Amino acid sequence: MSVVGIDLAGVETRPSGFCTLKDLSAETTVHFTDQDIVEQTLNIQPRIVAIDAPLYLPPGRTSLEEKTSPHLRQSDRELLKMGIRLFPATLGPMRKLTARGIKLRKVFEQSGLRVIEAYPGGAQDVLGIPRKQKGLDNLLTGLQALGINGLNSEMNDHELDAVTCAFVGKLFLEGNAVEYGAPGEGIVLPKKEK
């Protein structure tokens, strides 16, 4: 079972982390262009693609250019209630990322791939491992403690977040993740341990 995780950058001039996860074995790379990301993903033909980017607009919004509300999606509100901070999809700096995420989602879905929205920071919170802001070595150790193989200290923050996204995709396929927000348009996080 192959899963792809993508820590998407807002623009093609910045690096996007890319992870292929087979069982618990991870391979990562960095890509810049949409074309590279799409080609790499289609070559793999994963069971699911988990992308760290808003993949849908808030209900009632028809474009990112609108200066009206709403700014929060149902999934955003639910995560905020859980104490998981995030940036709204329509916030100035997030608009390019949202547009790029929506574009890639449509390309993948047209190719027959299943796509979910992942949020590595939120997933790391739920899994009880440190976010990258607490040090990449701590995040790396936390991911290794989940049993993920193939990780090393040379990996950058984009690659490690892509690994987290891929792990969320794997959990989702196994029934061990929850979609918060509108069905089919929510943010997927690991199930909380009881």
C-alpha atoms as a PDB file:
ATOM      1  CA  MET A   1       0.000   0.000   0.000  1.00  0.00           C
ATOM      2  CA  SER A   2       1.534   3.300  -1.112  1.00  0.00           C
ATOM      3  CA  VAL A   3       0.480   6.645   0.284  1.00  0.00           C
ATOM      4  CA  VAL A   4       1.765  10.044  -0.829  1.00  0.00           C
ATOM      5  CA  GLY A   5       2.107  12.958   1.577  1.00  0.00           C
ATOM      6  CA  ILE A   6       2.780  16.475   0.299  1.00  0.00           C
ATOM      7  CA  ASP A   7       3.819  19.470   2.401  1.00  0.00           C
ATOM      8  CA  LEU A   8       2.821  21.986  -0.246  1.00  0.00           C
ATOM      9  CA  ALA A   9       4.477  25.395  -0.553  1.00  0.00           C
ATOM     10  CA  GLY A  10       2.368  28.370  -1.610  1.00  0.00           C
ATOM     11  CA  VAL A  11       4.460  29.039  -4.713  1.00  0.00           C
ATOM     12  CA  GLU A  12       6.562  26.980  -7.098  1.00  0.00           C
ATOM     13  CA  THR A  13       9.755  28.872  -6.211  1.00  0.00           C
ATOM     14  CA  ARG A  14       9.693  27.429  -2.676  1.00  0.00           C
ATOM     15  CA  PRO A  15      10.316  23.758  -1.831  1.00  0.00           C
ATOM     16  CA  SER A  16       7.446  21.336  -1.268  1.00  0.00           C
ATOM     17  CA  GLY A  17       8.152  18.210   0.753  1.00  0.00           C
ATOM     18  CA  PHE A  18       7.087  14.922  -0.839  1.00  0.00           C
ATOM     19  CA  CYS A  19       6.872  11.522   0.861  1.00  0.00           C
ATOM     20  CA  THR A  20       6.028   8.088  -0.417  1.00  0.00           C
ATOM     21  CA  LEU A  21       5.056   5.794   2.450  1.00  0.00           C
ATOM     22  CA  LYS A  22       4.866   2.044   1.825  1.00  0.00           C
ATOM     23  CA  ASP A  23       3.670   0.306   4.961  1.00  0.00           C
ATOM     24  CA  LEU A  24       5.947   2.178   7.406  1.00  0.00           C
ATOM     25  CA  SER A  25       8.877   2.791   5.065  1.00  0.00           C
ATOM     26  CA  ALA A  26       9.262   6.425   3.996  1.00  0.00           C
ATOM     27  CA  GLU A  27      11.121   7.942   1.062  1.00  0.00           C
ATOM     28  CA  THR A  28      11.235  11.712   0.736  1.00  0.00           C
ATOM     29  CA  THR A  29      12.189  14.252  -1.896  1.00  0.00           C
ATOM     30  CA  VAL A  30      11.699  17.945  -2.475  1.00  0.00           C
ATOM     31  CA  HIS A  31       9.872  19.319  -5.517  1.00  0.00           C
ATOM     32  CA  PHE A  32       9.155  22.810  -6.734  1.00  0.00           C
ATOM     33  CA  THR A  33       6.784  22.735  -9.700  1.00  0.00           C
ATOM     34  CA  ASP A  34       3.250  21.426  -9.933  1.00  0.00           C
ATOM     35  CA  GLN A  35       4.338  19.403 -12.952  1.00  0.00           C
ATOM     36  CA  ASP A  36       7.022  17.577 -10.933  1.00  0.00           C
ATOM     37  CA  ILE A  37       4.620  16.916  -8.053  1.00  0.00           C
ATOM     38  CA  VAL A  38       1.917  15.604 -10.383  1.00  0.00           C
ATOM     39  CA  GLU A  39       4.302  13.428 -12.410  1.00  0.00           C
ATOM     40  CA  GLN A  40       5.876  11.919  -9.308  1.00  0.00           C
ATOM     41  CA  THR A  41       2.467  11.188  -7.779  1.00  0.00           C
ATOM     42  CA  LEU A  42       0.998   9.674 -10.936  1.00  0.00           C
ATOM     43  CA  ASN A  43       4.091   7.463 -11.338  1.00  0.00           C
ATOM     44  CA  ILE A  44       3.471   6.061  -7.852  1.00  0.00           C
ATOM     45  CA  GLN A  45      -0.330   5.669  -8.197  1.00  0.00           C
ATOM     46  CA  PRO A  46      -0.892   5.804  -4.422  1.00  0.00           C
ATOM     47  CA  ARG A  47      -4.050   4.629  -2.682  1.00  0.00           C
ATOM     48  CA  ILE A  48      -4.433   8.138  -1.279  1.00  0.00           C
ATOM     49  CA  VAL A  49      -2.753  11.565  -1.475  1.00  0.00           C
ATOM     50  CA  ALA A  50      -2.628  13.616   1.750  1.00  0.00           C
ATOM     51  CA  ILE A  51      -1.868  17.294   1.120  1.00  0.00           C
ATOM     52  CA  ASP A  52      -0.973  19.955   3.682  1.00  0.00           C
ATOM     53  CA  ALA A  53      -2.915  22.835   2.117  1.00  0.00           C
ATOM     54  CA  PRO A  54      -6.521  24.004   2.186  1.00  0.00           C
ATOM     55  CA  LEU A  55      -8.277  22.031  -0.550  1.00  0.00           C
ATOM     56  CA  TYR A  56     -11.700  23.690  -0.360  1.00  0.00           C
ATOM     57  CA  LEU A  57     -13.071  27.211   0.100  1.00  0.00           C
ATOM     58  CA  PRO A  58     -15.380  28.069   2.991  1.00  0.00           C
ATOM     59  CA  PRO A  59     -19.044  27.389   2.110  1.00  0.00           C
ATOM     60  CA  GLY A  60     -20.610  30.345   0.347  1.00  0.00           C
ATOM     61  CA  ARG A  61     -17.294  31.560  -1.062  1.00  0.00           C
ATOM     62  CA  THR A  62     -16.906  31.280  -4.827  1.00  0.00           C
ATOM     63  CA  SER A  63     -13.370  32.651  -5.054  1.00  0.00           C
ATOM     64  CA  LEU A  64     -10.364  33.704  -3.012  1.00  0.00           C
ATOM     65  CA  GLU A  65     -10.619  37.241  -4.384  1.00  0.00           C
ATOM     66  CA  GLU A  66     -13.850  37.955  -2.526  1.00  0.00           C
ATOM     67  CA  LYS A  67     -13.307  40.269   0.423  1.00  0.00           C
ATOM     68  CA  THR A  68     -16.343  38.937   2.258  1.00  0.00           C
ATOM     69  CA  SER A  69     -16.836  36.350   4.946  1.00  0.00           C
ATOM     70  CA  PRO A  70     -16.925  33.529   5.797  1.00  0.00           C
ATOM     71  CA  HIS A  71     -13.225  32.999   6.304  1.00  0.00           C
ATOM     72  CA  LEU A  72     -13.424  29.817   8.355  1.00  0.00           C
ATOM     73  CA  ARG A  73     -14.563  26.420   7.176  1.00  0.00           C
ATOM     74  CA  GLN A  74     -16.391  24.017   9.484  1.00  0.00           C
ATOM     75  CA  SER A  75     -13.160  21.998   9.794  1.00  0.00           C
ATOM     76  CA  ASP A  76     -11.232  25.125  10.826  1.00  0.00           C
ATOM     77  CA  ARG A  77     -13.760  25.897  13.558  1.00  0.00           C
ATOM     78  CA  GLU A  78     -13.673  22.327  14.882  1.00  0.00           C
ATOM     79  CA  LEU A  79      -9.863  22.306  15.088  1.00  0.00           C
ATOM     80  CA  LEU A  80      -9.817  25.687  16.814  1.00  0.00           C
ATOM     81  CA  LYS A  81     -12.278  24.344  19.419  1.00  0.00           C
ATOM     82  CA  MET A  82      -9.820  21.490  20.029  1.00  0.00           C
ATOM     83  CA  GLY A  83      -7.063  24.050  20.691  1.00  0.00           C
ATOM     84  CA  ILE A  84      -5.278  23.360  17.383  1.00  0.00           C
ATOM     85  CA  ARG A  85      -4.227  26.642  15.808  1.00  0.00           C
ATOM     86  CA  LEU A  86      -4.323  27.163  12.068  1.00  0.00           C
ATOM     87  CA  PHE A  87      -4.445  29.875   9.435  1.00  0.00           C
ATOM     88  CA  PRO A  88      -7.741  30.408   7.567  1.00  0.00           C
ATOM     89  CA  ALA A  89      -7.693  29.435   3.884  1.00  0.00           C
ATOM     90  CA  THR A  90      -8.655  32.980   2.852  1.00  0.00           C
ATOM     91  CA  LEU A  91      -6.043  34.851   4.900  1.00  0.00           C
ATOM     92  CA  GLY A  92      -3.762  36.961   2.675  1.00  0.00           C
ATOM     93  CA  PRO A  93      -0.617  34.785   2.708  1.00  0.00           C
ATOM     94  CA  MET A  94      -2.698  31.587   2.597  1.00  0.00           C
ATOM     95  CA  ARG A  95      -4.532  32.482  -0.612  1.00  0.00           C
ATOM     96  CA  LYS A  96      -1.765  31.295  -2.939  1.00  0.00           C
ATOM     97  CA  LEU A  97      -1.423  28.037  -1.009  1.00  0.00           C
ATOM     98  CA  THR A  98      -5.188  27.490  -1.080  1.00  0.00           C
ATOM     99  CA  ALA A  99      -5.371  28.151  -4.825  1.00  0.00           C
ATOM    100  CA  ARG A 100      -2.479  25.765  -5.475  1.00  0.00           C
ATOM    101  CA  GLY A 101      -3.943  23.077  -3.208  1.00  0.00           C
ATOM    102  CA  ILE A 102      -7.350  23.244  -4.903  1.00  0.00           C
ATOM    103  CA  LYS A 103      -5.716  23.070  -8.337  1.00  0.00           C
ATOM    104  CA  LEU A 104      -3.646  19.983  -7.449  1.00  0.00           C
ATOM    105  CA  ARG A 105      -6.615  18.275  -5.765  1.00  0.00           C
ATOM    106  CA  LYS A 106      -8.632  18.652  -8.970  1.00  0.00           C
ATOM    107  CA  VAL A 107      -5.775  17.280 -11.112  1.00  0.00           C
ATOM    108  CA  PHE A 108      -5.353  14.251  -8.861  1.00  0.00           C
ATOM    109  CA  GLU A 109      -9.097  13.571  -8.620  1.00  0.00           C
ATOM    110  CA  GLN A 110      -9.439  13.806 -12.405  1.00  0.00           C
ATOM    111  CA  SER A 111      -6.716  11.138 -12.565  1.00  0.00           C
ATOM    112  CA  GLY A 112      -8.778   8.881 -10.297  1.00  0.00           C
ATOM    113  CA  LEU A 113      -6.794   9.418  -7.098  1.00  0.00           C
ATOM    114  CA  ARG A 114      -8.338   9.916  -3.681  1.00  0.00           C
ATOM    115  CA  VAL A 115      -7.193  13.142  -1.993  1.00  0.00           C
ATOM    116  CA  ILE A 116      -7.515  14.297   1.614  1.00  0.00           C
ATOM    117  CA  GLU A 117      -6.461  17.450   3.408  1.00  0.00           C
ATOM    118  CA  ALA A 118      -3.928  16.803   6.139  1.00  0.00           C
ATOM    119  CA  TYR A 119      -2.518  19.230   8.678  1.00  0.00           C
ATOM    120  CA  PRO A 120       0.849  17.977   9.960  1.00  0.00           C
ATOM    121  CA  GLY A 121       1.060  20.400  12.897  1.00  0.00           C
ATOM    122  CA  GLY A 122      -2.372  19.332  14.112  1.00  0.00           C
ATOM    123  CA  ALA A 123      -1.562  15.668  13.518  1.00  0.00           C
ATOM    124  CA  GLN A 124       1.671  16.024  15.480  1.00  0.00           C
ATOM    125  CA  ASP A 125      -0.298  17.601  18.339  1.00  0.00           C
ATOM    126  CA  VAL A 126      -2.771  14.690  18.399  1.00  0.00           C
ATOM    127  CA  LEU A 127       0.029  12.104  18.140  1.00  0.00           C
ATOM    128  CA  GLY A 128       1.912  13.768  21.006  1.00  0.00           C
ATOM    129  CA  ILE A 129       5.072  14.479  19.023  1.00  0.00           C
ATOM    130  CA  PRO A 130       6.804  17.869  18.780  1.00  0.00           C
ATOM    131  CA  ARG A 131       6.120  20.199  15.871  1.00  0.00           C
ATOM    132  CA  LYS A 132       9.091  21.385  13.791  1.00  0.00           C
ATOM    133  CA  GLN A 133       9.227  24.632  15.778  1.00  0.00           C
ATOM    134  CA  LYS A 134      10.448  22.554  18.753  1.00  0.00           C
ATOM    135  CA  GLY A 135      13.425  21.321  16.722  1.00  0.00           C
ATOM    136  CA  LEU A 136      13.717  19.056  13.708  1.00  0.00           C
ATOM    137  CA  ASP A 137      15.620  16.466  15.731  1.00  0.00           C
ATOM    138  CA  ASN A 138      12.669  16.221  18.145  1.00  0.00           C
ATOM    139  CA  LEU A 139      10.175  15.877  15.284  1.00  0.00           C
ATOM    140  CA  LEU A 140      12.382  13.237  13.647  1.00  0.00           C
ATOM    141  CA  THR A 141      12.581  11.264  16.915  1.00  0.00           C
ATOM    142  CA  GLY A 142       8.810  11.514  17.348  1.00  0.00           C
ATOM    143  CA  LEU A 143       8.151  10.178  13.839  1.00  0.00           C
ATOM    144  CA  GLN A 144      10.636   7.348  14.364  1.00  0.00           C
ATOM    145  CA  ALA A 145       8.840   6.449  17.606  1.00  0.00           C
ATOM    146  CA  LEU A 146       5.698   5.849  15.513  1.00  0.00           C
ATOM    147  CA  GLY A 147       7.627   3.075  13.752  1.00  0.00           C
ATOM    148  CA  ILE A 148       8.323   4.975  10.529  1.00  0.00           C
ATOM    149  CA  ASN A 149      11.517   3.759   8.847  1.00  0.00           C
ATOM    150  CA  GLY A 150      13.809   5.449   6.336  1.00  0.00           C
ATOM    151  CA  LEU A 151      14.079   8.761   8.178  1.00  0.00           C
ATOM    152  CA  ASN A 152      17.363  10.564   8.750  1.00  0.00           C
ATOM    153  CA  SER A 153      18.785  13.791  10.156  1.00  0.00           C
ATOM    154  CA  GLU A 154      19.416  15.171   6.647  1.00  0.00           C
ATOM    155  CA  MET A 155      15.675  15.580   6.043  1.00  0.00           C
ATOM    156  CA  ASN A 156      14.365  19.128   6.137  1.00  0.00           C
ATOM    157  CA  ASP A 157      11.171  20.377   7.779  1.00  0.00           C
ATOM    158  CA  HIS A 158       9.192  20.093   4.515  1.00  0.00           C
ATOM    159  CA  GLU A 159      10.135  16.436   4.141  1.00  0.00           C
ATOM    160  CA  LEU A 160       9.291  15.623   7.771  1.00  0.00           C
ATOM    161  CA  ASP A 161       5.902  17.336   7.470  1.00  0.00           C
ATOM    162  CA  ALA A 162       5.298  15.383   4.237  1.00  0.00           C
ATOM    163  CA  VAL A 163       6.073  12.177   6.189  1.00  0.00           C
ATOM    164  CA  THR A 164       3.471  13.234   8.760  1.00  0.00           C
ATOM    165  CA  CYS A 165       0.919  13.842   5.988  1.00  0.00           C
ATOM    166  CA  ALA A 166       1.606  10.417   4.481  1.00  0.00           C
ATOM    167  CA  PHE A 167       1.242   8.779   7.915  1.00  0.00           C
ATOM    168  CA  VAL A 168      -2.142  10.502   8.332  1.00  0.00           C
ATOM    169  CA  GLY A 169      -3.169   9.134   4.929  1.00  0.00           C
ATOM    170  CA  LYS A 170      -2.167   5.628   6.037  1.00  0.00           C
ATOM    171  CA  LEU A 171      -4.142   5.987   9.277  1.00  0.00           C
ATOM    172  CA  PHE A 172      -7.158   7.242   7.309  1.00  0.00           C
ATOM    173  CA  LEU A 173      -7.108   4.189   5.036  1.00  0.00           C
ATOM    174  CA  GLU A 174      -6.879   1.943   8.112  1.00  0.00           C
ATOM    175  CA  GLY A 175      -9.838   3.645   9.819  1.00  0.00           C
ATOM    176  CA  ASN A 176      -7.600   5.235  12.458  1.00  0.00           C
ATOM    177  CA  ALA A 177      -8.162   8.865  11.483  1.00  0.00           C
ATOM    178  CA  VAL A 178     -11.055  11.294  11.719  1.00  0.00           C
ATOM    179  CA  GLU A 179     -12.234  13.853   9.195  1.00  0.00           C
ATOM    180  CA  TYR A 180     -13.225  17.089  10.921  1.00  0.00           C
ATOM    181  CA  GLY A 181     -15.659  19.369   9.122  1.00  0.00           C
ATOM    182  CA  ALA A 182     -17.888  18.762   6.127  1.00  0.00           C
ATOM    183  CA  PRO A 183     -17.682  15.159   4.860  1.00  0.00           C
ATOM    184  CA  GLY A 184     -15.342  14.932   1.892  1.00  0.00           C
ATOM    185  CA  GLU A 185     -14.110  18.484   2.474  1.00  0.00           C
ATOM    186  CA  GLY A 186     -12.664  18.296   5.967  1.00  0.00           C
ATOM    187  CA  ILE A 187      -9.260  18.140   7.601  1.00  0.00           C
ATOM    188  CA  VAL A 188      -8.092  14.638   8.502  1.00  0.00           C
ATOM    189  CA  LEU A 189      -6.279  14.024  11.796  1.00  0.00           C
ATOM    190  CA  PRO A 190      -5.328  10.826  13.629  1.00  0.00           C
ATOM    191  CA  LYS A 191      -7.898   9.475  16.075  1.00  0.00           C
ATOM    192  CA  LYS A 192      -7.188  10.590  19.613  1.00  0.00           C
ATOM    193  CA  GLU A 193      -6.107   7.893  22.033  1.00  0.00           C
ATOM    194  CA  LYS A 194      -8.771   7.303  24.680  1.00  0.00           C
END
